[in-house]
């Protein structure tokens, strides 16, 4: 399964142009089976989708996982999940996360993998509380989970202590700022029942302008044997 994570910044590019069409073209070019989105909804009012459902249905092979609590949002606390047509979503769930600012996570079960998308807080202590809350929500599902998103952690190694005993961290590479990527903010973490064989960052074409983050991706499977995990940091 190819999984992507993308902070789309409410479809606002670094050229100050708001273009959902450009964001969707980047997503289509990644070729992922599942896409975890952050900042997919506006923050104020009814939290309208920054990436309209009608555009997704018309211009892509994806459908939106059923995670929103109203008819105008794409997801929950800005987190949304796109799933390629033909794949079955067997369960969805929303997680409230603690911290100084409103945060959340979303989950969709696809092909036996529990995919979690999140945008962690700006303060490390809050992020660590949120990491622990994700584990608590998952429970036994941690074994086959793949968590992806904007983890907002600048350190290459520190800051992930709550996940150290349960999840393996995958860092595809620098993804922020898209104009000059130095921060490895966008990452994945997975349970022991999954194997990640490759990972990378999309750093060409419209992705260089569509958001201030570059999309990241990984290839994950439920296989129990094989070569060591790729890109583990």
Foldseek 3Di string as FASTA:
>chain_A
DKEKEEAQLLQQWPVRDRDLPLVVVQVQVVPGQKYKYAQQFDDDDPGAGSNDQVCCVVPHQWHWPPADPDDGYRHPNRITMIGGPPWDFPDKDKAFADDPDTWIKIWTQTPNATEIETAFDQDLVSLLSRLLSVCVVCPVNQQRYKYWYQSNDQDPDPSNVSCVVFKFKAQQDFWAQLLDGDGSRTTMIGGLQKAWAHKHWDNDDSQSIRHRTTMIMIDMDRDNDDDHHPRTD
